[in-house]
Amino acid sequence: GWLRLCPVAHPALASAGTGDVLAGAIAGLLAQGMSAFNAASAGVY
């Protein structure tokens, strides 16, 4: 039930494939041992 809201948003991210980059960033942080919630939060930020 914890929530985090990303404080940054930029229209440059509204293009095809940027979600794939995000998924890869989160997966990379997860693979380095971060918890799922922290990897997702750090990756999004």
PDB file of all heavy atoms in Angstrom:
ATOM      1  N   GLY A   1       0.785  -1.231   0.000  1.00  0.00           N
ATOM      2  CA  GLY A   1       0.000   0.000   0.000  1.00  0.00           C
ATOM      3  C   GLY A   1       0.815   1.278   0.000  1.00  0.00           C
ATOM      4  O   GLY A   1       0.260   2.370   0.050  1.00  0.00           O
ATOM      5  N   TRP A   2       2.130   1.179  -0.065  1.00  0.00           N
ATOM      6  CA  TRP A   2       2.968   2.379  -0.127  1.00  0.00           C
ATOM      7  C   TRP A   2       2.871   2.983  -1.522  1.00  0.00           C
ATOM      8  O   TRP A   2       2.772   2.269  -2.522  1.00  0.00           O
ATOM      9  CB  TRP A   2       4.420   2.059   0.184  1.00  0.00           C
ATOM     10  CG  TRP A   2       4.643   1.420   1.511  1.00  0.00           C
ATOM     11  CD1 TRP A   2       3.943   1.621   2.675  1.00  0.00           C
ATOM     12  CD2 TRP A   2       5.626   0.430   1.804  1.00  0.00           C
ATOM     13  NE1 TRP A   2       4.443   0.838   3.673  1.00  0.00           N
ATOM     14  CE2 TRP A   2       5.483   0.078   3.174  1.00  0.00           C
ATOM     15  CE3 TRP A   2       6.612  -0.198   1.070  1.00  0.00           C
ATOM     16  CZ2 TRP A   2       6.288  -0.844   3.795  1.00  0.00           C
ATOM     17  CZ3 TRP A   2       7.418  -1.126   1.694  1.00  0.00           C
ATOM     18  CH2 TRP A   2       7.254  -1.437   3.045  1.00  0.00           C
ATOM     19  N   LEU A   3       2.974   4.298  -1.572  1.00  0.00           N
ATOM     20  CA  LEU A   3       2.929   5.017  -2.844  1.00  0.00           C
ATOM     21  C   LEU A   3       4.108   5.963  -2.953  1.00  0.00           C
ATOM     22  O   LEU A   3       4.499   6.585  -1.962  1.00  0.00           O
ATOM     23  CB  LEU A   3       1.662   5.864  -2.953  1.00  0.00           C
ATOM     24  CG  LEU A   3       0.366   5.186  -3.320  1.00  0.00           C
ATOM     25  CD1 LEU A   3      -0.765   6.210  -3.298  1.00  0.00           C
ATOM     26  CD2 LEU A   3       0.442   4.519  -4.664  1.00  0.00           C
ATOM     27  N   ARG A   4       4.620   6.068  -4.151  1.00  0.00           N
ATOM     28  CA  ARG A   4       5.593   7.106  -4.472  1.00  0.00           C
ATOM     29  C   ARG A   4       5.146   7.722  -5.789  1.00  0.00           C
ATOM     30  O   ARG A   4       4.656   7.021  -6.669  1.00  0.00           O
ATOM     31  CB  ARG A   4       7.010   6.528  -4.604  1.00  0.00           C
ATOM     32  CG  ARG A   4       7.560   6.073  -3.264  1.00  0.00           C
ATOM     33  CD  ARG A   4       8.962   5.539  -3.382  1.00  0.00           C
ATOM     34  NE  ARG A   4       9.461   5.147  -2.067  1.00  0.00           N
ATOM     35  CZ  ARG A   4      10.350   4.182  -1.876  1.00  0.00           C
ATOM     36  NH1 ARG A   4      10.843   3.505  -2.898  1.00  0.00           N
ATOM     37  NH2 ARG A   4      10.750   3.892  -0.656  1.00  0.00           N
ATOM     38  N   LEU A   5       5.341   9.022  -5.900  1.00  0.00           N
ATOM     39  CA  LEU A   5       4.963   9.754  -7.094  1.00  0.00           C
ATOM     40  C   LEU A   5       6.218  10.395  -7.657  1.00  0.00           C
ATOM     41  O   LEU A   5       6.936  11.096  -6.926  1.00  0.00           O
ATOM     42  CB  LEU A   5       3.931  10.829  -6.726  1.00  0.00           C
ATOM     43  CG  LEU A   5       3.319  11.630  -7.852  1.00  0.00           C
ATOM     44  CD1 LEU A   5       2.509  10.733  -8.781  1.00  0.00           C
ATOM     45  CD2 LEU A   5       2.427  12.721  -7.272  1.00  0.00           C
ATOM     46  N   CYS A   6       6.495  10.149  -8.915  1.00  0.00           N
ATOM     47  CA  CYS A   6       7.695  10.704  -9.517  1.00  0.00           C
ATOM     48  C   CYS A   6       7.557  12.224  -9.619  1.00  0.00           C
ATOM     49  O   CYS A   6       6.589  12.729 -10.193  1.00  0.00           O
ATOM     50  CB  CYS A   6       7.924  10.107 -10.905  1.00  0.00           C
ATOM     51  SG  CYS A   6       9.488  10.635 -11.626  1.00  0.00           S
ATOM     52  N   PRO A   7       8.523  12.964  -9.059  1.00  0.00           N
ATOM     53  CA  PRO A   7       8.417  14.423  -9.067  1.00  0.00           C
ATOM     54  C   PRO A   7       8.759  15.059 -10.410  1.00  0.00           C
ATOM     55  O   PRO A   7       8.525  16.252 -10.587  1.00  0.00           O
ATOM     56  CB  PRO A   7       9.423  14.852  -7.996  1.00  0.00           C
ATOM     57  CG  PRO A   7      10.455  13.782  -8.015  1.00  0.00           C
ATOM     58  CD  PRO A   7       9.707  12.508  -8.332  1.00  0.00           C
ATOM     59  N   VAL A   8       9.309  14.302 -11.334  1.00  0.00           N
ATOM     60  CA  VAL A   8       9.681  14.863 -12.633  1.00  0.00           C
ATOM     61  C   VAL A   8       8.843  14.228 -13.734  1.00  0.00           C
ATOM     62  O   VAL A   8       8.477  13.062 -13.669  1.00  0.00           O
ATOM     63  CB  VAL A   8      11.192  14.700 -12.942  1.00  0.00           C
ATOM     64  CG1 VAL A   8      12.031  15.528 -12.009  1.00  0.00           C
ATOM     65  CG2 VAL A   8      11.621  13.244 -12.883  1.00  0.00           C
ATOM     66  N   ALA A   9       8.552  15.044 -14.720  1.00  0.00           N
ATOM     67  CA  ALA A   9       7.842  14.586 -15.920  1.00  0.00           C
ATOM     68  C   ALA A   9       8.242  15.527 -17.041  1.00  0.00           C
ATOM     69  O   ALA A   9       8.298  16.739 -16.842  1.00  0.00           O
ATOM     70  CB  ALA A   9       6.336  14.627 -15.701  1.00  0.00           C
ATOM     71  N   HIS A  10       8.541  14.967 -18.179  1.00  0.00           N
ATOM     72  CA  HIS A  10       8.953  15.810 -19.292  1.00  0.00           C
ATOM     73  C   HIS A  10       8.341  15.281 -20.584  1.00  0.00           C
ATOM     74  O   HIS A  10       8.342  14.071 -20.809  1.00  0.00           O
ATOM     75  CB  HIS A  10      10.484  15.847 -19.403  1.00  0.00           C
ATOM     76  CG  HIS A  10      10.959  16.982 -20.250  1.00  0.00           C
ATOM     77  ND1 HIS A  10      10.977  16.935 -21.611  1.00  0.00           N
ATOM     78  CD2 HIS A  10      11.406  18.211 -19.911  1.00  0.00           C
ATOM     79  CE1 HIS A  10      11.420  18.085 -22.087  1.00  0.00           C
ATOM     80  NE2 HIS A  10      11.687  18.874 -21.063  1.00  0.00           N
ATOM     81  N   PRO A  11       7.841  16.169 -21.438  1.00  0.00           N
ATOM     82  CA  PRO A  11       7.225  15.730 -22.690  1.00  0.00           C
ATOM     83  C   PRO A  11       8.167  14.960 -23.616  1.00  0.00           C
ATOM     84  O   PRO A  11       7.704  14.221 -24.478  1.00  0.00           O
ATOM     85  CB  PRO A  11       6.774  17.034 -23.361  1.00  0.00           C
ATOM     86  CG  PRO A  11       6.866  18.088 -22.341  1.00  0.00           C
ATOM     87  CD  PRO A  11       7.746  17.609 -21.238  1.00  0.00           C
ATOM     88  N   ALA A  12       9.469  15.103 -23.422  1.00  0.00           N
ATOM     89  CA  ALA A  12      10.422  14.354 -24.252  1.00  0.00           C
ATOM     90  C   ALA A  12      10.247  12.846 -24.066  1.00  0.00           C
ATOM     91  O   ALA A  12      10.614  12.063 -24.941  1.00  0.00           O
ATOM     92  CB  ALA A  12      11.854  14.761 -23.919  1.00  0.00           C
ATOM     93  N   LEU A  13       9.664  12.441 -22.939  1.00  0.00           N
ATOM     94  CA  LEU A  13       9.459  11.008 -22.686  1.00  0.00           C
ATOM     95  C   LEU A  13       8.228  10.454 -23.387  1.00  0.00           C
ATOM     96  O   LEU A  13       7.993   9.250 -23.350  1.00  0.00           O
ATOM     97  CB  LEU A  13       9.356  10.748 -21.178  1.00  0.00           C
ATOM     98  CG  LEU A  13      10.632  11.026 -20.397  1.00  0.00           C
ATOM     99  CD1 LEU A  13      10.380  10.867 -18.910  1.00  0.00           C
ATOM    100  CD2 LEU A  13      11.752  10.108 -20.867  1.00  0.00           C
ATOM    101  N   ALA A  14       7.446  11.306 -24.014  1.00  0.00           N
ATOM    102  CA  ALA A  14       6.232  10.862 -24.697  1.00  0.00           C
ATOM    103  C   ALA A  14       6.544  10.455 -26.133  1.00  0.00           C
ATOM    104  O   ALA A  14       5.980  10.977 -27.087  1.00  0.00           O
ATOM    105  CB  ALA A  14       5.179  11.955 -24.656  1.00  0.00           C
ATOM    106  N   SER A  15       7.471   9.523 -26.283  1.00  0.00           N
ATOM    107  CA  SER A  15       7.784   9.011 -27.616  1.00  0.00           C
ATOM    108  C   SER A  15       7.960   7.496 -27.536  1.00  0.00           C
ATOM    109  O   SER A  15       8.239   6.938 -26.468  1.00  0.00           O
ATOM    110  CB  SER A  15       9.037   9.680 -28.191  1.00  0.00           C
ATOM    111  OG  SER A  15      10.176   9.364 -27.446  1.00  0.00           O
ATOM    112  N   ALA A  16       7.773   6.870 -28.665  1.00  0.00           N
ATOM    113  CA  ALA A  16       7.811   5.408 -28.728  1.00  0.00           C
ATOM    114  C   ALA A  16       9.132   4.866 -28.204  1.00  0.00           C
ATOM    115  O   ALA A  16      10.203   5.385 -28.522  1.00  0.00           O
ATOM    116  CB  ALA A  16       7.598   4.944 -30.167  1.00  0.00           C
ATOM    117  N   GLY A  17       9.035   3.839 -27.374  1.00  0.00           N
ATOM    118  CA  GLY A  17      10.221   3.145 -26.887  1.00  0.00           C
ATOM    119  C   GLY A  17      10.752   3.624 -25.554  1.00  0.00           C
ATOM    120  O   GLY A  17      11.578   2.938 -24.945  1.00  0.00           O
ATOM    121  N   THR A  18      10.301   4.779 -25.082  1.00  0.00           N
ATOM    122  CA  THR A  18      10.836   5.260 -23.808  1.00  0.00           C
ATOM    123  C   THR A  18      10.389   4.369 -22.648  1.00  0.00           C
ATOM    124  O   THR A  18      11.106   4.233 -21.661  1.00  0.00           O
ATOM    125  CB  THR A  18      10.461   6.728 -23.527  1.00  0.00           C
ATOM    126  OG1 THR A  18       9.042   6.865 -23.540  1.00  0.00           O
ATOM    127  CG2 THR A  18      11.086   7.654 -24.564  1.00  0.00           C
ATOM    128  N   GLY A  19       9.224   3.745 -22.780  1.00  0.00           N
ATOM    129  CA  GLY A  19       8.785   2.790 -21.756  1.00  0.00           C
ATOM    130  C   GLY A  19       9.673   1.566 -21.714  1.00  0.00           C
ATOM    131  O   GLY A  19       9.891   0.976 -20.649  1.00  0.00           O
ATOM    132  N   ASP A  20      10.213   1.171 -22.859  1.00  0.00           N
ATOM    133  CA  ASP A  20      11.153   0.050 -22.909  1.00  0.00           C
ATOM    134  C   ASP A  20      12.443   0.396 -22.170  1.00  0.00           C
ATOM    135  O   ASP A  20      13.013  -0.440 -21.462  1.00  0.00           O
ATOM    136  CB  ASP A  20      11.474  -0.331 -24.354  1.00  0.00           C
ATOM    137  CG  ASP A  20      10.250  -0.801 -25.119  1.00  0.00           C
ATOM    138  OD1 ASP A  20       9.381  -1.466 -24.511  1.00  0.00           O
ATOM    139  OD2 ASP A  20      10.156  -0.502 -26.317  1.00  0.00           O
ATOM    140  N   VAL A  21      12.886   1.641 -22.331  1.00  0.00           N
ATOM    141  CA  VAL A  21      14.075   2.097 -21.607  1.00  0.00           C
ATOM    142  C   VAL A  21      13.801   2.068 -20.104  1.00  0.00           C
ATOM    143  O   VAL A  21      14.638   1.618 -19.311  1.00  0.00           O
ATOM    144  CB  VAL A  21      14.512   3.505 -22.073  1.00  0.00           C
ATOM    145  CG1 VAL A  21      15.651   4.041 -21.215  1.00  0.00           C
ATOM    146  CG2 VAL A  21      14.913   3.477 -23.547  1.00  0.00           C
ATOM    147  N   LEU A  22      12.621   2.510 -19.714  1.00  0.00           N
ATOM    148  CA  LEU A  22      12.248   2.474 -18.297  1.00  0.00           C
ATOM    149  C   LEU A  22      12.243   1.045 -17.768  1.00  0.00           C
ATOM    150  O   LEU A  22      12.815   0.770 -16.703  1.00  0.00           O
ATOM    151  CB  LEU A  22      10.874   3.114 -18.084  1.00  0.00           C
ATOM    152  CG  LEU A  22      10.289   2.979 -16.686  1.00  0.00           C
ATOM    153  CD1 LEU A  22      11.192   3.628 -15.641  1.00  0.00           C
ATOM    154  CD2 LEU A  22       8.889   3.562 -16.643  1.00  0.00           C
ATOM    155  N   ALA A  23      11.619   0.131 -18.485  1.00  0.00           N
ATOM    156  CA  ALA A  23      11.575  -1.273 -18.046  1.00  0.00           C
ATOM    157  C   ALA A  23      12.988  -1.829 -17.904  1.00  0.00           C
ATOM    158  O   ALA A  23      13.292  -2.539 -16.937  1.00  0.00           O
ATOM    159  CB  ALA A  23      10.751  -2.114 -19.023  1.00  0.00           C
ATOM    160  N   GLY A  24      13.867  -1.494 -18.829  1.00  0.00           N
ATOM    161  CA  GLY A  24      15.248  -1.954 -18.756  1.00  0.00           C
ATOM    162  C   GLY A  24      15.993  -1.363 -17.574  1.00  0.00           C
ATOM    163  O   GLY A  24      16.769  -2.053 -16.904  1.00  0.00           O
ATOM    164  N   ALA A  25      15.752  -0.094 -17.293  1.00  0.00           N
ATOM    165  CA  ALA A  25      16.399   0.551 -16.141  1.00  0.00           C
ATOM    166  C   ALA A  25      15.951  -0.110 -14.842  1.00  0.00           C
ATOM    167  O   ALA A  25      16.769  -0.410 -13.963  1.00  0.00           O
ATOM    168  CB  ALA A  25      16.090   2.048 -16.122  1.00  0.00           C
ATOM    169  N   ILE A  26      14.657  -0.365 -14.722  1.00  0.00           N
ATOM    170  CA  ILE A  26      14.130  -1.015 -13.523  1.00  0.00           C
ATOM    171  C   ILE A  26      14.706  -2.421 -13.397  1.00  0.00           C
ATOM    172  O   ILE A  26      15.147  -2.832 -12.316  1.00  0.00           O
ATOM    173  CB  ILE A  26      12.593  -1.046 -13.544  1.00  0.00           C
ATOM    174  CG1 ILE A  26      12.031   0.374 -13.437  1.00  0.00           C
ATOM    175  CG2 ILE A  26      12.050  -1.922 -12.421  1.00  0.00           C
ATOM    176  CD1 ILE A  26      10.533   0.480 -13.697  1.00  0.00           C
ATOM    177  N   ALA A  27      14.729  -3.164 -14.495  1.00  0.00           N
ATOM    178  CA  ALA A  27      15.273  -4.532 -14.467  1.00  0.00           C
ATOM    179  C   ALA A  27      16.746  -4.530 -14.069  1.00  0.00           C
ATOM    180  O   ALA A  27      17.197  -5.390 -13.301  1.00  0.00           O
ATOM    181  CB  ALA A  27      15.084  -5.201 -15.833  1.00  0.00           C
ATOM    182  N   GLY A  28      17.496  -3.555 -14.563  1.00  0.00           N
ATOM    183  CA  GLY A  28      18.907  -3.466 -14.211  1.00  0.00           C
ATOM    184  C   GLY A  28      19.109  -3.214 -12.724  1.00  0.00           C
ATOM    185  O   GLY A  28      19.975  -3.825 -12.085  1.00  0.00           O
ATOM    186  N   LEU A  29      18.318  -2.327 -12.158  1.00  0.00           N
ATOM    187  CA  LEU A  29      18.415  -2.043 -10.718  1.00  0.00           C
ATOM    188  C   LEU A  29      17.961  -3.248  -9.893  1.00  0.00           C
ATOM    189  O   LEU A  29      18.567  -3.569  -8.867  1.00  0.00           O
ATOM    190  CB  LEU A  29      17.581  -0.802 -10.378  1.00  0.00           C
ATOM    191  CG  LEU A  29      18.093   0.502 -10.996  1.00  0.00           C
ATOM    192  CD1 LEU A  29      17.047   1.604 -10.868  1.00  0.00           C
ATOM    193  CD2 LEU A  29      19.412   0.916 -10.373  1.00  0.00           C
ATOM    194  N   LEU A  30      16.934  -3.918 -10.350  1.00  0.00           N
ATOM    195  CA  LEU A  30      16.449  -5.132  -9.690  1.00  0.00           C
ATOM    196  C   LEU A  30      17.529  -6.214  -9.705  1.00  0.00           C
ATOM    197  O   LEU A  30      17.788  -6.864  -8.684  1.00  0.00           O
ATOM    198  CB  LEU A  30      15.184  -5.606 -10.401  1.00  0.00           C
ATOM    199  CG  LEU A  30      14.315  -6.652  -9.754  1.00  0.00           C
ATOM    200  CD1 LEU A  30      13.767  -6.182  -8.422  1.00  0.00           C
ATOM    201  CD2 LEU A  30      13.152  -6.998 -10.692  1.00  0.00           C
ATOM    202  N   ALA A  31      18.200  -6.362 -10.835  1.00  0.00           N
ATOM    203  CA  ALA A  31      19.260  -7.374 -10.972  1.00  0.00           C
ATOM    204  C   ALA A  31      20.463  -7.070 -10.074  1.00  0.00           C
ATOM    205  O   ALA A  31      21.212  -7.974  -9.719  1.00  0.00           O
ATOM    206  CB  ALA A  31      19.711  -7.467 -12.432  1.00  0.00           C
ATOM    207  N   GLN A  32      20.621  -5.802  -9.701  1.00  0.00           N
ATOM    208  CA  GLN A  32      21.726  -5.419  -8.821  1.00  0.00           C
ATOM    209  C   GLN A  32      21.380  -5.572  -7.349  1.00  0.00           C
ATOM    210  O   GLN A  32      22.178  -5.225  -6.490  1.00  0.00           O
ATOM    211  CB  GLN A  32      22.139  -3.976  -9.112  1.00  0.00           C
ATOM    212  CG  GLN A  32      22.768  -3.823 -10.487  1.00  0.00           C
ATOM    213  CD  GLN A  32      23.103  -2.386 -10.785  1.00  0.00           C
ATOM    214  OE1 GLN A  32      23.846  -1.744 -10.030  1.00  0.00           O
ATOM    215  NE2 GLN A  32      22.573  -1.863 -11.872  1.00  0.00           N
ATOM    216  N   GLY A  33      20.186  -6.088  -7.054  1.00  0.00           N
ATOM    217  CA  GLY A  33      19.841  -6.416  -5.680  1.00  0.00           C
ATOM    218  C   GLY A  33      18.882  -5.474  -4.979  1.00  0.00           C
ATOM    219  O   GLY A  33      18.597  -5.660  -3.800  1.00  0.00           O
ATOM    220  N   MET A  34      18.390  -4.471  -5.660  1.00  0.00           N
ATOM    221  CA  MET A  34      17.411  -3.592  -5.027  1.00  0.00           C
ATOM    222  C   MET A  34      16.090  -4.339  -4.867  1.00  0.00           C
ATOM    223  O   MET A  34      15.774  -5.215  -5.666  1.00  0.00           O
ATOM    224  CB  MET A  34      17.179  -2.332  -5.868  1.00  0.00           C
ATOM    225  CG  MET A  34      18.362  -1.384  -5.897  1.00  0.00           C
ATOM    226  SD  MET A  34      17.993   0.133  -6.838  1.00  0.00           S
ATOM    227  CE  MET A  34      17.323   1.131  -5.535  1.00  0.00           C
ATOM    228  N   SER A  35      15.318  -3.955  -3.864  1.00  0.00           N
ATOM    229  CA  SER A  35      13.977  -4.512  -3.716  1.00  0.00           C
ATOM    230  C   SER A  35      13.132  -4.052  -4.896  1.00  0.00           C
ATOM    231  O   SER A  35      13.436  -3.051  -5.551  1.00  0.00           O
ATOM    232  CB  SER A  35      13.343  -4.039  -2.411  1.00  0.00           C
ATOM    233  OG  SER A  35      13.018  -2.662  -2.495  1.00  0.00           O
ATOM    234  N   ALA A  36      12.044  -4.768  -5.156  1.00  0.00           N
ATOM    235  CA  ALA A  36      11.191  -4.437  -6.298  1.00  0.00           C
ATOM    236  C   ALA A  36      10.664  -3.001  -6.199  1.00  0.00           C
ATOM    237  O   ALA A  36      10.719  -2.244  -7.179  1.00  0.00           O
ATOM    238  CB  ALA A  36      10.043  -5.434  -6.401  1.00  0.00           C
ATOM    239  N   PHE A  37      10.181  -2.615  -5.028  1.00  0.00           N
ATOM    240  CA  PHE A  37       9.612  -1.270  -4.870  1.00  0.00           C
ATOM    241  C   PHE A  37      10.682  -0.194  -5.039  1.00  0.00           C
ATOM    242  O   PHE A  37      10.460   0.817  -5.711  1.00  0.00           O
ATOM    243  CB  PHE A  37       8.924  -1.160  -3.508  1.00  0.00           C
ATOM    244  CG  PHE A  37       8.172   0.115  -3.289  1.00  0.00           C
ATOM    245  CD1 PHE A  37       7.175   0.527  -4.155  1.00  0.00           C
ATOM    246  CD2 PHE A  37       8.446   0.910  -2.190  1.00  0.00           C
ATOM    247  CE1 PHE A  37       6.455   1.710  -3.941  1.00  0.00           C
ATOM    248  CE2 PHE A  37       7.742   2.088  -1.955  1.00  0.00           C
ATOM    249  CZ  PHE A  37       6.753   2.486  -2.833  1.00  0.00           C
ATOM    250  N   ASN A  38      11.856  -0.409  -4.473  1.00  0.00           N
ATOM    251  CA  ASN A  38      12.929   0.577  -4.600  1.00  0.00           C
ATOM    252  C   ASN A  38      13.505   0.614  -6.011  1.00  0.00           C
ATOM    253  O   ASN A  38      13.841   1.689  -6.515  1.00  0.00           O
ATOM    254  CB  ASN A  38      14.020   0.331  -3.566  1.00  0.00           C
ATOM    255  CG  ASN A  38      13.591   0.734  -2.172  1.00  0.00           C
ATOM    256  OD1 ASN A  38      12.710   1.582  -2.005  1.00  0.00           O
ATOM    257  ND2 ASN A  38      14.175   0.120  -1.167  1.00  0.00           N
ATOM    258  N   ALA A  39      13.632  -0.540  -6.656  1.00  0.00           N
ATOM    259  CA  ALA A  39      14.120  -0.567  -8.041  1.00  0.00           C
ATOM    260  C   ALA A  39      13.148   0.166  -8.955  1.00  0.00           C
ATOM    261  O   ALA A  39      13.561   0.952  -9.822  1.00  0.00           O
ATOM    262  CB  ALA A  39      14.320  -2.003  -8.510  1.00  0.00           C
ATOM    263  N   ALA A  40      11.851  -0.078  -8.756  1.00  0.00           N
ATOM    264  CA  ALA A  40      10.847   0.608  -9.571  1.00  0.00           C
ATOM    265  C   ALA A  40      10.897   2.112  -9.317  1.00  0.00           C
ATOM    266  O   ALA A  40      10.878   2.920 -10.262  1.00  0.00           O
ATOM    267  CB  ALA A  40       9.461   0.052  -9.276  1.00  0.00           C
ATOM    268  N   SER A  41      10.989   2.502  -8.064  1.00  0.00           N
ATOM    269  CA  SER A  41      11.011   3.923  -7.717  1.00  0.00           C
ATOM    270  C   SER A  41      12.249   4.619  -8.269  1.00  0.00           C
ATOM    271  O   SER A  41      12.152   5.699  -8.869  1.00  0.00           O
ATOM    272  CB  SER A  41      10.966   4.086  -6.191  1.00  0.00           C
ATOM    273  OG  SER A  41       9.807   3.516  -5.656  1.00  0.00           O
ATOM    274  N   ALA A  42      13.410   4.019  -8.062  1.00  0.00           N
ATOM    275  CA  ALA A  42      14.659   4.608  -8.546  1.00  0.00           C
ATOM    276  C   ALA A  42      14.683   4.639 -10.070  1.00  0.00           C
ATOM    277  O   ALA A  42      15.108   5.634 -10.672  1.00  0.00           O
ATOM    278  CB  ALA A  42      15.864   3.838  -8.000  1.00  0.00           C
ATOM    279  N   GLY A  43      14.231   3.557 -10.696  1.00  0.00           N
ATOM    280  CA  GLY A  43      14.196   3.508 -12.158  1.00  0.00           C
ATOM    281  C   GLY A  43      13.302   4.586 -12.744  1.00  0.00           C
ATOM    282  O   GLY A  43      13.668   5.274 -13.704  1.00  0.00           O
ATOM    283  N   VAL A  44      12.127   4.754 -12.161  1.00  0.00           N
ATOM    284  CA  VAL A  44      11.191   5.785 -12.635  1.00  0.00           C
ATOM    285  C   VAL A  44      11.806   7.174 -12.459  1.00  0.00           C
ATOM    286  O   VAL A  44      11.747   8.011 -13.363  1.00  0.00           O
ATOM    287  CB  VAL A  44       9.837   5.680 -11.898  1.00  0.00           C
ATOM    288  CG1 VAL A  44       8.989   6.925 -12.114  1.00  0.00           C
ATOM    289  CG2 VAL A  44       9.083   4.438 -12.352  1.00  0.00           C
ATOM    290  N   TYR A  45      12.413   7.419 -11.317  1.00  0.00           N
ATOM    291  CA  TYR A  45      13.005   8.732 -11.061  1.00  0.00           C
ATOM    292  C   TYR A  45      14.164   9.015 -12.023  1.00  0.00           C
ATOM    293  O   TYR A  45      14.235  10.084 -12.641  1.00  0.00           O
ATOM    294  CB  TYR A  45      13.475   8.847  -9.614  1.00  0.00           C
ATOM    295  CG  TYR A  45      14.095  10.188  -9.327  1.00  0.00           C
ATOM    296  CD1 TYR A  45      13.322  11.342  -9.342  1.00  0.00           C
ATOM    297  CD2 TYR A  45      15.454  10.310  -9.070  1.00  0.00           C
ATOM    298  CE1 TYR A  45      13.884  12.586  -9.106  1.00  0.00           C
ATOM    299  CE2 TYR A  45      16.021  11.547  -8.831  1.00  0.00           C
ATOM    300  CZ  TYR A  45      15.237  12.675  -8.850  1.00  0.00           C
ATOM    301  OH  TYR A  45      15.806  13.910  -8.621  1.00  0.00           O
TER     302      TYR A  45
END
